[in-house]
Amino acid sequence: MRKRKKTTVKIIGVIITAILLFFGFNFENIENDLQNIENTIAQQTNINSETSYNLQDIPPYTNSPYVEINNNIPNFSESDYTTESFEKYSELDALGRCGVAFANICKETMPKERRRKRRN
């Protein structure tokens, strides 16, 4: 009985230590992860500080599917204008989330196979 108690205490100790290490590591590095994500997004979209937007300037959600930014005036550079189709997707970030997608879509970028019907 005593041996079983010691084993149980050791297992619980290992579990608690693992949980603390896992969550402690994530919380300590979250600020660095967020900064890396912001840097990656800025690099992949070629946005410089003059044309980027501050998240605090975007109004809170109001059930509208969109919000106007920059008086609804796009800020694409001349190099962004093209008639060629392309798709560019960023790598997943440190937390496994998708990031920036940039594309010029047309018939060539559409899937060739038919869509399957959804089951309700």
PDB file of N, CA and C in Angstrom:
ATOM      1  N   MET A   1       0.824  -1.190   0.000  1.00  0.00           N
ATOM      2  CA  MET A   1       0.000   0.000   0.000  1.00  0.00           C
ATOM      3  C   MET A   1       0.869   1.255   0.000  1.00  0.00           C
ATOM      4  N   ARG A   2       1.927   1.255   0.782  1.00  0.00           N
ATOM      5  CA  ARG A   2       2.812   2.398   0.898  1.00  0.00           C
ATOM      6  C   ARG A   2       3.544   2.651  -0.427  1.00  0.00           C
ATOM      7  N   LYS A   3       3.949   1.570  -1.103  1.00  0.00           N
ATOM      8  CA  LYS A   3       4.649   1.679  -2.382  1.00  0.00           C
ATOM      9  C   LYS A   3       3.711   2.285  -3.431  1.00  0.00           C
ATOM     10  N   ARG A   4       2.452   1.897  -3.389  1.00  0.00           N
ATOM     11  CA  ARG A   4       1.459   2.406  -4.327  1.00  0.00           C
ATOM     12  C   ARG A   4       1.246   3.910  -4.124  1.00  0.00           C
ATOM     13  N   LYS A   5       1.225   4.350  -2.889  1.00  0.00           N
ATOM     14  CA  LYS A   5       1.066   5.755  -2.561  1.00  0.00           C
ATOM     15  C   LYS A   5       2.242   6.568  -3.091  1.00  0.00           C
ATOM     16  N   LYS A   6       3.463   6.067  -2.901  1.00  0.00           N
ATOM     17  CA  LYS A   6       4.655   6.759  -3.384  1.00  0.00           C
ATOM     18  C   LYS A   6       4.629   6.870  -4.911  1.00  0.00           C
ATOM     19  N   THR A   7       4.242   5.810  -5.573  1.00  0.00           N
ATOM     20  CA  THR A   7       4.165   5.820  -7.023  1.00  0.00           C
ATOM     21  C   THR A   7       3.132   6.834  -7.506  1.00  0.00           C
ATOM     22  N   THR A   8       1.997   6.863  -6.848  1.00  0.00           N
ATOM     23  CA  THR A   8       0.942   7.813  -7.214  1.00  0.00           C
ATOM     24  C   THR A   8       1.426   9.243  -7.015  1.00  0.00           C
ATOM     25  N   VAL A   9       2.089   9.519  -5.908  1.00  0.00           N
ATOM     26  CA  VAL A   9       2.605  10.858  -5.626  1.00  0.00           C
ATOM     27  C   VAL A   9       3.636  11.248  -6.686  1.00  0.00           C
ATOM     28  N   LYS A  10       4.502  10.318  -7.078  1.00  0.00           N
ATOM     29  CA  LYS A  10       5.509  10.610  -8.104  1.00  0.00           C
ATOM     30  C   LYS A  10       4.848  10.924  -9.443  1.00  0.00           C
ATOM     31  N   ILE A  11       3.847  10.154  -9.805  1.00  0.00           N
ATOM     32  CA  ILE A  11       3.150  10.378 -11.076  1.00  0.00           C
ATOM     33  C   ILE A  11       2.472  11.744 -11.073  1.00  0.00           C
ATOM     34  N   ILE A  12       1.804  12.067  -9.972  1.00  0.00           N
ATOM     35  CA  ILE A  12       1.140  13.372  -9.871  1.00  0.00           C
ATOM     36  C   ILE A  12       2.177  14.492  -9.940  1.00  0.00           C
ATOM     37  N   GLY A  13       3.306  14.314  -9.287  1.00  0.00           N
ATOM     38  CA  GLY A  13       4.382  15.313  -9.338  1.00  0.00           C
ATOM     39  C   GLY A  13       4.910  15.523 -10.744  1.00  0.00           C
ATOM     40  N   VAL A  14       5.096  14.442 -11.470  1.00  0.00           N
ATOM     41  CA  VAL A  14       5.577  14.540 -12.854  1.00  0.00           C
ATOM     42  C   VAL A  14       4.550  15.261 -13.720  1.00  0.00           C
ATOM     43  N   ILE A  15       3.275  14.943 -13.544  1.00  0.00           N
ATOM     44  CA  ILE A  15       2.209  15.583 -14.327  1.00  0.00           C
ATOM     45  C   ILE A  15       2.159  17.081 -14.030  1.00  0.00           C
ATOM     46  N   ILE A  16       2.202  17.443 -12.766  1.00  0.00           N
ATOM     47  CA  ILE A  16       2.155  18.860 -12.386  1.00  0.00           C
ATOM     48  C   ILE A  16       3.375  19.599 -12.938  1.00  0.00           C
ATOM     49  N   THR A  17       4.548  18.988 -12.833  1.00  0.00           N
ATOM     50  CA  THR A  17       5.765  19.608 -13.360  1.00  0.00           C
ATOM     51  C   THR A  17       5.651  19.808 -14.864  1.00  0.00           C
ATOM     52  N   ALA A  18       5.152  18.805 -15.575  1.00  0.00           N
ATOM     53  CA  ALA A  18       5.007  18.906 -17.026  1.00  0.00           C
ATOM     54  C   ALA A  18       4.037  20.023 -17.400  1.00  0.00           C
ATOM     55  N   ILE A  19       2.937  20.117 -16.686  1.00  0.00           N
ATOM     56  CA  ILE A  19       1.943  21.175 -16.956  1.00  0.00           C
ATOM     57  C   ILE A  19       2.555  22.551 -16.706  1.00  0.00           C
ATOM     58  N   LEU A  20       3.247  22.706 -15.588  1.00  0.00           N
ATOM     59  CA  LEU A  20       3.855  24.007 -15.276  1.00  0.00           C
ATOM     60  C   LEU A  20       4.919  24.381 -16.306  1.00  0.00           C
ATOM     61  N   LEU A  21       5.729  23.428 -16.711  1.00  0.00           N
ATOM     62  CA  LEU A  21       6.752  23.714 -17.719  1.00  0.00           C
ATOM     63  C   LEU A  21       6.109  24.101 -19.046  1.00  0.00           C
ATOM     64  N   PHE A  22       5.090  23.368 -19.440  1.00  0.00           N
ATOM     65  CA  PHE A  22       4.436  23.635 -20.724  1.00  0.00           C
ATOM     66  C   PHE A  22       3.795  25.016 -20.735  1.00  0.00           C
ATOM     67  N   PHE A  23       2.956  25.325 -19.744  1.00  0.00           N
ATOM     68  CA  PHE A  23       2.271  26.607 -19.727  1.00  0.00           C
ATOM     69  C   PHE A  23       3.224  27.748 -19.393  1.00  0.00           C
ATOM     70  N   GLY A  24       4.165  27.516 -18.521  1.00  0.00           N
ATOM     71  CA  GLY A  24       5.140  28.559 -18.201  1.00  0.00           C
ATOM     72  C   GLY A  24       5.953  28.951 -19.416  1.00  0.00           C
ATOM     73  N   PHE A  25       6.364  27.997 -20.217  1.00  0.00           N
ATOM     74  CA  PHE A  25       7.140  28.257 -21.426  1.00  0.00           C
ATOM     75  C   PHE A  25       6.325  29.080 -22.407  1.00  0.00           C
ATOM     76  N   ASN A  26       5.067  28.701 -22.619  1.00  0.00           N
ATOM     77  CA  ASN A  26       4.223  29.423 -23.567  1.00  0.00           C
ATOM     78  C   ASN A  26       3.958  30.846 -23.118  1.00  0.00           C
ATOM     79  N   PHE A  27       3.667  31.065 -21.837  1.00  0.00           N
ATOM     80  CA  PHE A  27       3.363  32.406 -21.368  1.00  0.00           C
ATOM     81  C   PHE A  27       4.590  33.307 -21.427  1.00  0.00           C
ATOM     82  N   GLU A  28       5.759  32.765 -21.137  1.00  0.00           N
ATOM     83  CA  GLU A  28       6.968  33.584 -21.170  1.00  0.00           C
ATOM     84  C   GLU A  28       7.310  34.013 -22.587  1.00  0.00           C
ATOM     85  N   ASN A  29       7.035  33.175 -23.570  1.00  0.00           N
ATOM     86  CA  ASN A  29       7.446  33.461 -24.933  1.00  0.00           C
ATOM     87  C   ASN A  29       6.344  34.050 -25.797  1.00  0.00           C
ATOM     88  N   ILE A  30       5.177  34.290 -25.253  1.00  0.00           N
ATOM     89  CA  ILE A  30       4.057  34.757 -26.063  1.00  0.00           C
ATOM     90  C   ILE A  30       4.339  36.113 -26.689  1.00  0.00           C
ATOM     91  N   GLU A  31       4.975  37.024 -25.954  1.00  0.00           N
ATOM     92  CA  GLU A  31       5.269  38.346 -26.501  1.00  0.00           C
ATOM     93  C   GLU A  31       6.234  38.248 -27.673  1.00  0.00           C
ATOM     94  N   ASN A  32       7.263  37.412 -27.541  1.00  0.00           N
ATOM     95  CA  ASN A  32       8.203  37.212 -28.646  1.00  0.00           C
ATOM     96  C   ASN A  32       7.514  36.573 -29.842  1.00  0.00           C
ATOM     97  N   ASP A  33       6.633  35.599 -29.587  1.00  0.00           N
ATOM     98  CA  ASP A  33       5.900  34.954 -30.678  1.00  0.00           C
ATOM     99  C   ASP A  33       5.048  35.963 -31.424  1.00  0.00           C
ATOM    100  N   LEU A  34       4.349  36.824 -30.694  1.00  0.00           N
ATOM    101  CA  LEU A  34       3.504  37.830 -31.338  1.00  0.00           C
ATOM    102  C   LEU A  34       4.335  38.810 -32.159  1.00  0.00           C
ATOM    103  N   GLN A  35       5.488  39.209 -31.644  1.00  0.00           N
ATOM    104  CA  GLN A  35       6.358  40.123 -32.390  1.00  0.00           C
ATOM    105  C   GLN A  35       6.869  39.443 -33.654  1.00  0.00           C
ATOM    106  N   ASN A  36       7.238  38.171 -33.563  1.00  0.00           N
ATOM    107  CA  ASN A  36       7.696  37.430 -34.741  1.00  0.00           C
ATOM    108  C   ASN A  36       6.591  37.320 -35.780  1.00  0.00           C
ATOM    109  N   ILE A  37       5.367  37.105 -35.329  1.00  0.00           N
ATOM    110  CA  ILE A  37       4.232  37.007 -36.246  1.00  0.00           C
ATOM    111  C   ILE A  37       4.027  38.332 -36.963  1.00  0.00           C
ATOM    112  N   GLU A  38       4.053  39.442 -36.224  1.00  0.00           N
ATOM    113  CA  GLU A  38       3.882  40.754 -36.835  1.00  0.00           C
ATOM    114  C   GLU A  38       4.987  41.029 -37.847  1.00  0.00           C
ATOM    115  N   ASN A  39       6.226  40.684 -37.513  1.00  0.00           N
ATOM    116  CA  ASN A  39       7.341  40.889 -38.438  1.00  0.00           C
ATOM    117  C   ASN A  39       7.166  40.057 -39.701  1.00  0.00           C
ATOM    118  N   THR A  40       6.730  38.807 -39.538  1.00  0.00           N
ATOM    119  CA  THR A  40       6.517  37.935 -40.684  1.00  0.00           C
ATOM    120  C   THR A  40       5.443  38.489 -41.601  1.00  0.00           C
ATOM    121  N   ILE A  41       4.348  38.934 -41.020  1.00  0.00           N
ATOM    122  CA  ILE A  41       3.257  39.495 -41.821  1.00  0.00           C
ATOM    123  C   ILE A  41       3.743  40.724 -42.580  1.00  0.00           C
ATOM    124  N   ALA A  42       4.458  41.607 -41.912  1.00  0.00           N
ATOM    125  CA  ALA A  42       4.949  42.822 -42.562  1.00  0.00           C
ATOM    126  C   ALA A  42       5.898  42.484 -43.705  1.00  0.00           C
ATOM    127  N   GLN A  43       6.782  41.517 -43.504  1.00  0.00           N
ATOM    128  CA  GLN A  43       7.724  41.124 -44.552  1.00  0.00           C
ATOM    129  C   GLN A  43       7.009  40.494 -45.732  1.00  0.00           C
ATOM    130  N   GLN A  44       6.057  39.615 -45.471  1.00  0.00           N
ATOM    131  CA  GLN A  44       5.412  38.881 -46.545  1.00  0.00           C
ATOM    132  C   GLN A  44       4.455  39.734 -47.352  1.00  0.00           C
ATOM    133  N   THR A  45       3.973  40.799 -46.801  1.00  0.00           N
ATOM    134  CA  THR A  45       3.050  41.665 -47.542  1.00  0.00           C
ATOM    135  C   THR A  45       3.721  42.948 -48.006  1.00  0.00           C
ATOM    136  N   ASN A  46       5.021  43.080 -47.732  1.00  0.00           N
ATOM    137  CA  ASN A  46       5.781  44.264 -48.132  1.00  0.00           C
ATOM    138  C   ASN A  46       5.152  45.558 -47.640  1.00  0.00           C
ATOM    139  N   ILE A  47       4.628  45.532 -46.442  1.00  0.00           N
ATOM    140  CA  ILE A  47       4.031  46.733 -45.865  1.00  0.00           C
ATOM    141  C   ILE A  47       5.112  47.461 -45.078  1.00  0.00           C
ATOM    142  N   ASN A  48       5.259  48.747 -45.348  1.00  0.00           N
ATOM    143  CA  ASN A  48       6.204  49.504 -44.538  1.00  0.00           C
ATOM    144  C   ASN A  48       5.436  50.311 -43.499  1.00  0.00           C
ATOM    145  N   SER A  49       6.150  50.992 -42.639  1.00  0.00           N
ATOM    146  CA  SER A  49       5.499  51.682 -41.526  1.00  0.00           C
ATOM    147  C   SER A  49       4.577  52.804 -41.993  1.00  0.00           C
ATOM    148  N   GLU A  50       4.781  53.343 -43.202  1.00  0.00           N
ATOM    149  CA  GLU A  50       3.927  54.419 -43.693  1.00  0.00           C
ATOM    150  C   GLU A  50       2.551  53.916 -44.113  1.00  0.00           C
ATOM    151  N   THR A  51       2.442  52.659 -44.521  1.00  0.00           N
ATOM    152  CA  THR A  51       1.165  52.158 -45.026  1.00  0.00           C
ATOM    153  C   THR A  51       0.532  51.111 -44.126  1.00  0.00           C
ATOM    154  N   SER A  52       1.154  50.766 -43.024  1.00  0.00           N
ATOM    155  CA  SER A  52       0.547  49.773 -42.151  1.00  0.00           C
ATOM    156  C   SER A  52      -0.484  50.452 -41.250  1.00  0.00           C
ATOM    157  N   TYR A  53      -1.303  49.638 -40.608  1.00  0.00           N
ATOM    158  CA  TYR A  53      -2.381  50.155 -39.783  1.00  0.00           C
ATOM    159  C   TYR A  53      -2.197  49.708 -38.353  1.00  0.00           C
ATOM    160  N   ASN A  54      -2.579  50.567 -37.457  1.00  0.00           N
ATOM    161  CA  ASN A  54      -2.523  50.263 -36.042  1.00  0.00           C
ATOM    162  C   ASN A  54      -3.829  49.556 -35.667  1.00  0.00           C
ATOM    163  N   LEU A  55      -3.743  48.425 -35.013  1.00  0.00           N
ATOM    164  CA  LEU A  55      -4.941  47.676 -34.656  1.00  0.00           C
ATOM    165  C   LEU A  55      -5.871  48.481 -33.745  1.00  0.00           C
ATOM    166  N   GLN A  56      -5.333  49.400 -32.968  1.00  0.00           N
ATOM    167  CA  GLN A  56      -6.175  50.219 -32.103  1.00  0.00           C
ATOM    168  C   GLN A  56      -7.050  51.182 -32.914  1.00  0.00           C
ATOM    169  N   ASP A  57      -6.666  51.467 -34.171  1.00  0.00           N
ATOM    170  CA  ASP A  57      -7.451  52.361 -35.024  1.00  0.00           C
ATOM    171  C   ASP A  57      -8.650  51.664 -35.660  1.00  0.00           C
ATOM    172  N   ILE A  58      -8.696  50.347 -35.593  1.00  0.00           N
ATOM    173  CA  ILE A  58      -9.820  49.607 -36.164  1.00  0.00           C
ATOM    174  C   ILE A  58     -10.931  49.576 -35.121  1.00  0.00           C
ATOM    175  N   PRO A  59     -12.134  50.020 -35.510  1.00  0.00           N
ATOM    176  CA  PRO A  59     -13.218  50.092 -34.520  1.00  0.00           C
ATOM    177  C   PRO A  59     -13.634  48.710 -34.024  1.00  0.00           C
ATOM    178  N   PRO A  60     -14.267  48.640 -32.855  1.00  0.00           N
ATOM    179  CA  PRO A  60     -14.727  47.353 -32.323  1.00  0.00           C
ATOM    180  C   PRO A  60     -15.784  46.723 -33.232  1.00  0.00           C
ATOM    181  N   TYR A  61     -15.937  45.419 -33.110  1.00  0.00           N
ATOM    182  CA  TYR A  61     -16.905  44.666 -33.915  1.00  0.00           C
ATOM    183  C   TYR A  61     -18.326  45.137 -33.616  1.00  0.00           C
ATOM    184  N   THR A  62     -19.109  45.358 -34.701  1.00  0.00           N
ATOM    185  CA  THR A  62     -20.483  45.854 -34.543  1.00  0.00           C
ATOM    186  C   THR A  62     -21.467  45.055 -35.380  1.00  0.00           C
ATOM    187  N   ASN A  63     -21.233  43.780 -35.570  1.00  0.00           N
ATOM    188  CA  ASN A  63     -22.081  42.901 -36.377  1.00  0.00           C
ATOM    189  C   ASN A  63     -22.015  43.197 -37.866  1.00  0.00           C
ATOM    190  N   SER A  64     -21.167  44.089 -38.294  1.00  0.00           N
ATOM    191  CA  SER A  64     -20.973  44.375 -39.716  1.00  0.00           C
ATOM    192  C   SER A  64     -19.926  43.410 -40.267  1.00  0.00           C
ATOM    193  N   PRO A  65     -20.121  42.891 -41.484  1.00  0.00           N
ATOM    194  CA  PRO A  65     -19.149  41.923 -42.020  1.00  0.00           C
ATOM    195  C   PRO A  65     -17.827  42.549 -42.449  1.00  0.00           C
ATOM    196  N   TYR A  66     -17.740  43.879 -42.465  1.00  0.00           N
ATOM    197  CA  TYR A  66     -16.491  44.529 -42.861  1.00  0.00           C
ATOM    198  C   TYR A  66     -16.402  45.903 -42.212  1.00  0.00           C
ATOM    199  N   VAL A  67     -15.231  46.499 -42.301  1.00  0.00           N
ATOM    200  CA  VAL A  67     -15.020  47.865 -41.825  1.00  0.00           C
ATOM    201  C   VAL A  67     -14.095  48.548 -42.822  1.00  0.00           C
ATOM    202  N   GLU A  68     -14.352  49.807 -43.126  1.00  0.00           N
ATOM    203  CA  GLU A  68     -13.510  50.559 -44.051  1.00  0.00           C
ATOM    204  C   GLU A  68     -12.224  50.980 -43.358  1.00  0.00           C
ATOM    205  N   ILE A  69     -11.127  50.855 -44.083  1.00  0.00           N
ATOM    206  CA  ILE A  69      -9.821  51.300 -43.606  1.00  0.00           C
ATOM    207  C   ILE A  69      -9.255  52.234 -44.665  1.00  0.00           C
ATOM    208  N   ASN A  70      -8.602  53.287 -44.262  1.00  0.00           N
ATOM    209  CA  ASN A  70      -7.981  54.240 -45.181  1.00  0.00           C
ATOM    210  C   ASN A  70      -9.015  54.842 -46.136  1.00  0.00           C
ATOM    211  N   ASN A  71     -10.206  55.152 -45.625  1.00  0.00           N
ATOM    212  CA  ASN A  71     -11.303  55.700 -46.428  1.00  0.00           C
ATOM    213  C   ASN A  71     -11.611  54.840 -47.652  1.00  0.00           C
ATOM    214  N   ASN A  72     -11.402  53.547 -47.508  1.00  0.00           N
ATOM    215  CA  ASN A  72     -11.670  52.568 -48.564  1.00  0.00           C
ATOM    216  C   ASN A  72     -10.808  52.787 -49.810  1.00  0.00           C
ATOM    217  N   ILE A  73      -9.632  53.369 -49.637  1.00  0.00           N
ATOM    218  CA  ILE A  73      -8.694  53.580 -50.737  1.00  0.00           C
ATOM    219  C   ILE A  73      -7.587  52.541 -50.608  1.00  0.00           C
ATOM    220  N   PRO A  74      -7.429  51.645 -51.617  1.00  0.00           N
ATOM    221  CA  PRO A  74      -6.380  50.621 -51.523  1.00  0.00           C
ATOM    222  C   PRO A  74      -4.988  51.248 -51.600  1.00  0.00           C
ATOM    223  N   ASN A  75      -4.026  50.580 -51.017  1.00  0.00           N
ATOM    224  CA  ASN A  75      -2.653  51.103 -51.038  1.00  0.00           C
ATOM    225  C   ASN A  75      -1.694  50.100 -51.668  1.00  0.00           C
ATOM    226  N   PHE A  76      -2.092  49.509 -52.789  1.00  0.00           N
ATOM    227  CA  PHE A  76      -1.221  48.579 -53.494  1.00  0.00           C
ATOM    228  C   PHE A  76      -0.079  49.347 -54.151  1.00  0.00           C
ATOM    229  N   SER A  77       1.071  48.724 -54.227  1.00  0.00           N
ATOM    230  CA  SER A  77       2.193  49.331 -54.948  1.00  0.00           C
ATOM    231  C   SER A  77       2.098  48.942 -56.423  1.00  0.00           C
ATOM    232  N   GLU A  78       2.858  49.626 -57.271  1.00  0.00           N
ATOM    233  CA  GLU A  78       2.853  49.331 -58.710  1.00  0.00           C
ATOM    234  C   GLU A  78       3.235  47.875 -58.981  1.00  0.00           C
ATOM    235  N   SER A  79       4.129  47.313 -58.159  1.00  0.00           N
ATOM    236  CA  SER A  79       4.557  45.925 -58.376  1.00  0.00           C
ATOM    237  C   SER A  79       3.434  44.929 -58.094  1.00  0.00           C
ATOM    238  N   ASP A  80       2.393  45.366 -57.384  1.00  0.00           N
ATOM    239  CA  ASP A  80       1.260  44.488 -57.093  1.00  0.00           C
ATOM    240  C   ASP A  80       0.303  44.364 -58.274  1.00  0.00           C
ATOM    241  N   TYR A  81       0.334  45.314 -59.202  1.00  0.00           N
ATOM    242  CA  TYR A  81      -0.573  45.275 -60.350  1.00  0.00           C
ATOM    243  C   TYR A  81      -0.070  44.286 -61.384  1.00  0.00           C
ATOM    244  N   THR A  82      -0.911  43.291 -61.709  1.00  0.00           N
ATOM    245  CA  THR A  82      -0.550  42.300 -62.713  1.00  0.00           C
ATOM    246  C   THR A  82      -1.809  41.627 -63.231  1.00  0.00           C
ATOM    247  N   THR A  83      -1.712  41.063 -64.412  1.00  0.00           N
ATOM    248  CA  THR A  83      -2.827  40.291 -64.958  1.00  0.00           C
ATOM    249  C   THR A  83      -2.544  38.800 -64.864  1.00  0.00           C
ATOM    250  N   GLU A  84      -1.365  38.440 -64.372  1.00  0.00           N
ATOM    251  CA  GLU A  84      -1.013  37.030 -64.207  1.00  0.00           C
ATOM    252  C   GLU A  84      -1.624  36.493 -62.921  1.00  0.00           C
ATOM    253  N   SER A  85      -2.083  35.240 -62.973  1.00  0.00           N
ATOM    254  CA  SER A  85      -2.662  34.648 -61.769  1.00  0.00           C
ATOM    255  C   SER A  85      -1.555  34.092 -60.875  1.00  0.00           C
ATOM    256  N   PHE A  86      -1.765  34.193 -59.567  1.00  0.00           N
ATOM    257  CA  PHE A  86      -0.817  33.634 -58.596  1.00  0.00           C
ATOM    258  C   PHE A  86      -1.510  33.491 -57.259  1.00  0.00           C
ATOM    259  N   GLU A  87      -0.924  32.679 -56.409  1.00  0.00           N
ATOM    260  CA  GLU A  87      -1.382  32.503 -55.032  1.00  0.00           C
ATOM    261  C   GLU A  87      -0.151  32.403 -54.154  1.00  0.00           C
ATOM    262  N   LYS A  88      -0.090  33.192 -53.102  1.00  0.00           N
ATOM    263  CA  LYS A  88       1.018  33.146 -52.144  1.00  0.00           C
ATOM    264  C   LYS A  88       0.433  33.010 -50.751  1.00  0.00           C
ATOM    265  N   TYR A  89       0.895  32.016 -50.022  1.00  0.00           N
ATOM    266  CA  TYR A  89       0.403  31.762 -48.671  1.00  0.00           C
ATOM    267  C   TYR A  89       1.578  31.768 -47.707  1.00  0.00           C
ATOM    268  N   SER A  90       1.412  32.417 -46.558  1.00  0.00           N
ATOM    269  CA  SER A  90       2.469  32.426 -45.558  1.00  0.00           C
ATOM    270  C   SER A  90       2.559  31.067 -44.876  1.00  0.00           C
ATOM    271  N   GLU A  91       3.678  30.831 -44.246  1.00  0.00           N
ATOM    272  CA  GLU A  91       3.858  29.619 -43.451  1.00  0.00           C
ATOM    273  C   GLU A  91       3.011  29.740 -42.188  1.00  0.00           C
ATOM    274  N   LEU A  92       2.729  28.622 -41.563  1.00  0.00           N
ATOM    275  CA  LEU A  92       2.029  28.660 -40.280  1.00  0.00           C
ATOM    276  C   LEU A  92       2.941  29.303 -39.243  1.00  0.00           C
ATOM    277  N   ASP A  93       2.360  30.061 -38.316  1.00  0.00           N
ATOM    278  CA  ASP A  93       3.172  30.703 -37.296  1.00  0.00           C
ATOM    279  C   ASP A  93       3.564  29.703 -36.209  1.00  0.00           C
ATOM    280  N   ALA A  94       4.239  30.207 -35.190  1.00  0.00           N
ATOM    281  CA  ALA A  94       4.751  29.349 -34.114  1.00  0.00           C
ATOM    282  C   ALA A  94       3.635  28.621 -33.371  1.00  0.00           C
ATOM    283  N   LEU A  95       2.398  29.139 -33.456  1.00  0.00           N
ATOM    284  CA  LEU A  95       1.276  28.505 -32.776  1.00  0.00           C
ATOM    285  C   LEU A  95       0.428  27.674 -33.735  1.00  0.00           C
ATOM    286  N   GLY A  96       0.907  27.478 -34.970  1.00  0.00           N
ATOM    287  CA  GLY A  96       0.201  26.641 -35.936  1.00  0.00           C
ATOM    288  C   GLY A  96      -0.951  27.320 -36.641  1.00  0.00           C
ATOM    289  N   ARG A  97      -1.006  28.658 -36.609  1.00  0.00           N
ATOM    290  CA  ARG A  97      -2.108  29.379 -37.246  1.00  0.00           C
ATOM    291  C   ARG A  97      -1.710  29.843 -38.636  1.00  0.00           C
ATOM    292  N   CYS A  98      -2.709  29.986 -39.503  1.00  0.00           N
ATOM    293  CA  CYS A  98      -2.438  30.491 -40.848  1.00  0.00           C
ATOM    294  C   CYS A  98      -2.202  31.996 -40.760  1.00  0.00           C
ATOM    295  N   GLY A  99      -1.591  32.529 -41.799  1.00  0.00           N
ATOM    296  CA  GLY A  99      -1.270  33.952 -41.805  1.00  0.00           C
ATOM    297  C   GLY A  99      -1.761  34.612 -43.074  1.00  0.00           C
ATOM    298  N   VAL A 100      -0.890  35.403 -43.682  1.00  0.00           N
ATOM    299  CA  VAL A 100      -1.232  36.218 -44.836  1.00  0.00           C
ATOM    300  C   VAL A 100      -1.439  35.359 -46.078  1.00  0.00           C
ATOM    301  N   ALA A 101      -2.461  35.691 -46.839  1.00  0.00           N
ATOM    302  CA  ALA A 101      -2.688  35.091 -48.148  1.00  0.00           C
ATOM    303  C   ALA A 101      -2.784  36.236 -49.142  1.00  0.00           C
ATOM    304  N   PHE A 102      -2.075  36.125 -50.263  1.00  0.00           N
ATOM    305  CA  PHE A 102      -2.064  37.167 -51.277  1.00  0.00           C
ATOM    306  C   PHE A 102      -2.242  36.482 -52.616  1.00  0.00           C
ATOM    307  N   ALA A 103      -3.249  36.874 -53.390  1.00  0.00           N
ATOM    308  CA  ALA A 103      -3.538  36.164 -54.625  1.00  0.00           C
ATOM    309  C   ALA A 103      -4.157  37.084 -55.659  1.00  0.00           C
ATOM    310  N   ASN A 104      -3.954  36.729 -56.914  1.00  0.00           N
ATOM    311  CA  ASN A 104      -4.663  37.327 -58.039  1.00  0.00           C
ATOM    312  C   ASN A 104      -5.372  36.148 -58.686  1.00  0.00           C
ATOM    313  N   ILE A 105      -6.652  36.001 -58.392  1.00  0.00           N
ATOM    314  CA  ILE A 105      -7.367  34.802 -58.797  1.00  0.00           C
ATOM    315  C   ILE A 105      -8.068  34.982 -60.138  1.00  0.00           C
ATOM    316  N   CYS A 106      -8.235  33.861 -60.837  1.00  0.00           N
ATOM    317  CA  CYS A 106      -8.926  33.835 -62.120  1.00  0.00           C
ATOM    318  C   CYS A 106      -9.334  32.385 -62.380  1.00  0.00           C
ATOM    319  N   LYS A 107      -9.771  32.074 -63.575  1.00  0.00           N
ATOM    320  CA  LYS A 107     -10.215  30.716 -63.881  1.00  0.00           C
ATOM    321  C   LYS A 107      -9.096  29.692 -63.688  1.00  0.00           C
ATOM    322  N   GLU A 108      -7.856  30.074 -63.972  1.00  0.00           N
ATOM    323  CA  GLU A 108      -6.732  29.140 -63.842  1.00  0.00           C
ATOM    324  C   GLU A 108      -6.493  28.703 -62.402  1.00  0.00           C
ATOM    325  N   THR A 109      -6.856  29.525 -61.436  1.00  0.00           N
ATOM    326  CA  THR A 109      -6.627  29.169 -60.032  1.00  0.00           C
ATOM    327  C   THR A 109      -7.790  28.395 -59.419  1.00  0.00           C
ATOM    328  N   MET A 110      -8.874  28.257 -60.159  1.00  0.00           N
ATOM    329  CA  MET A 110     -10.036  27.533 -59.654  1.00  0.00           C
ATOM    330  C   MET A 110      -9.770  26.027 -59.677  1.00  0.00           C
ATOM    331  N   PRO A 111     -10.358  25.262 -58.770  1.00  0.00           N
ATOM    332  CA  PRO A 111     -10.179  23.812 -58.765  1.00  0.00           C
ATOM    333  C   PRO A 111     -10.738  23.192 -60.050  1.00  0.00           C
ATOM    334  N   LYS A 112     -10.095  22.144 -60.519  1.00  0.00           N
ATOM    335  CA  LYS A 112     -10.526  21.473 -61.750  1.00  0.00           C
ATOM    336  C   LYS A 112     -11.626  20.446 -61.479  1.00  0.00           C
ATOM    337  N   GLU A 113     -11.622  19.825 -60.284  1.00  0.00           N
ATOM    338  CA  GLU A 113     -12.604  18.795 -59.965  1.00  0.00           C
ATOM    339  C   GLU A 113     -13.893  19.422 -59.432  1.00  0.00           C
ATOM    340  N   ARG A 114     -14.976  18.693 -59.575  1.00  0.00           N
ATOM    341  CA  ARG A 114     -16.265  19.167 -59.084  1.00  0.00           C
ATOM    342  C   ARG A 114     -16.288  19.130 -57.566  1.00  0.00           C
ATOM    343  N   ARG A 115     -17.036  20.025 -56.979  1.00  0.00           N
ATOM    344  CA  ARG A 115     -17.203  20.018 -55.528  1.00  0.00           C
ATOM    345  C   ARG A 115     -18.130  18.895 -55.112  1.00  0.00           C
ATOM    346  N   ARG A 116     -17.847  18.328 -53.960  1.00  0.00           N
ATOM    347  CA  ARG A 116     -18.750  17.324 -53.395  1.00  0.00           C
ATOM    348  C   ARG A 116     -19.874  18.020 -52.676  1.00  0.00           C
ATOM    349  N   LYS A 117     -21.052  17.431 -52.719  1.00  0.00           N
ATOM    350  CA  LYS A 117     -22.176  18.019 -52.000  1.00  0.00           C
ATOM    351  C   LYS A 117     -21.990  17.810 -50.511  1.00  0.00           C
ATOM    352  N   ARG A 118     -22.377  18.819 -49.746  1.00  0.00           N
ATOM    353  CA  ARG A 118     -22.299  18.719 -48.290  1.00  0.00           C
ATOM    354  C   ARG A 118     -23.477  17.918 -47.765  1.00  0.00           C
ATOM    355  N   ARG A 119     -23.205  17.188 -46.725  1.00  0.00           N
ATOM    356  CA  ARG A 119     -24.281  16.461 -46.016  1.00  0.00           C
ATOM    357  C   ARG A 119     -24.711  17.303 -44.837  1.00  0.00           C
ATOM    358  N   ASN A 120     -25.998  17.396 -44.645  1.00  0.00           N
ATOM    359  CA  ASN A 120     -26.507  18.190 -43.517  1.00  0.00           C
ATOM    360  C   ASN A 120     -26.644  17.362 -42.289  1.00  0.00           C
TER     361      ASN A 120
END
